[in-house]
Structure formats: C-alpha cells, structure tokens
C-alpha cells in the first residue's frame, strides 16, 4: 500500500513559479513510475509529467515541456514538480500518481499504463 500526499500548491501570477511535492509512504516507492496529472474545472484529468522508477527517464505533455521539470528522491520517498513560466491555463488541481508503464502515442507521452495510487490533489491557481 502506498499513500501519496501532495503539497506546494497556491496562487501565483502568470510568469511565476511553484514547486509541488508528493510525499509517499511505504517501502516500495522506488519500484513505481511516478507522475503528475491535473484537472481543471469542467475538463478531464490530463497527464502532465512522469519519471521512471530509477529517475533516469522523464516524460512531459507537450503543453508543459520546457516549463516543468519532474524529479524524484528515492531516499526521501518524494517526487517533485518544478513549474516555471506559469500560465493561467495551468490552473488546475494537481494530482500525484504512482503506477507502471508509460503510454506513448506517436512519440508523445499520454499517461500511465496503470495508475495504482492517487493523491488527493493540490490546487494551483495562476492569475493573469
């Protein structure tokens, strides 16, 4: 069993930055692909970024590539999402996820093959 707790969300002006953290309980954190998804009001949850179990590979949605950076510290059971140059369209509830496999369609990562655990989310609001 893995429990995920996100933190670091908040209100920021367009062009600003935030760092989200996701702390995981359980001894098997390093076995999981970790990632971030987001859901804006009235929209479906969408993939944002993912990182392999070892941290050696990262994957990003086209909408955040070059602005967001995902990383993990397996010794601390924590995954991070550093977000730069934030835009109002980045406003959403951001969820941490633990799972396996990355689905890639025409070289674009689309999400996980399977999500085993979800966090409860942290709100990011970007004002214009």
Foldseek 3Di string as FASTA:
>chain_A
DKAKAKDWADEEAAQAKIKMKIAMDDDCLLVWWKAKWWDDPPGDIWGAKIAHSVRPDIAGAPVQPPFWDWGDDSVRRMIMIIGGRDDQVVWTWMKMFTHAAWDADPNHTTGHPDTDDIYPTDTHGYHD
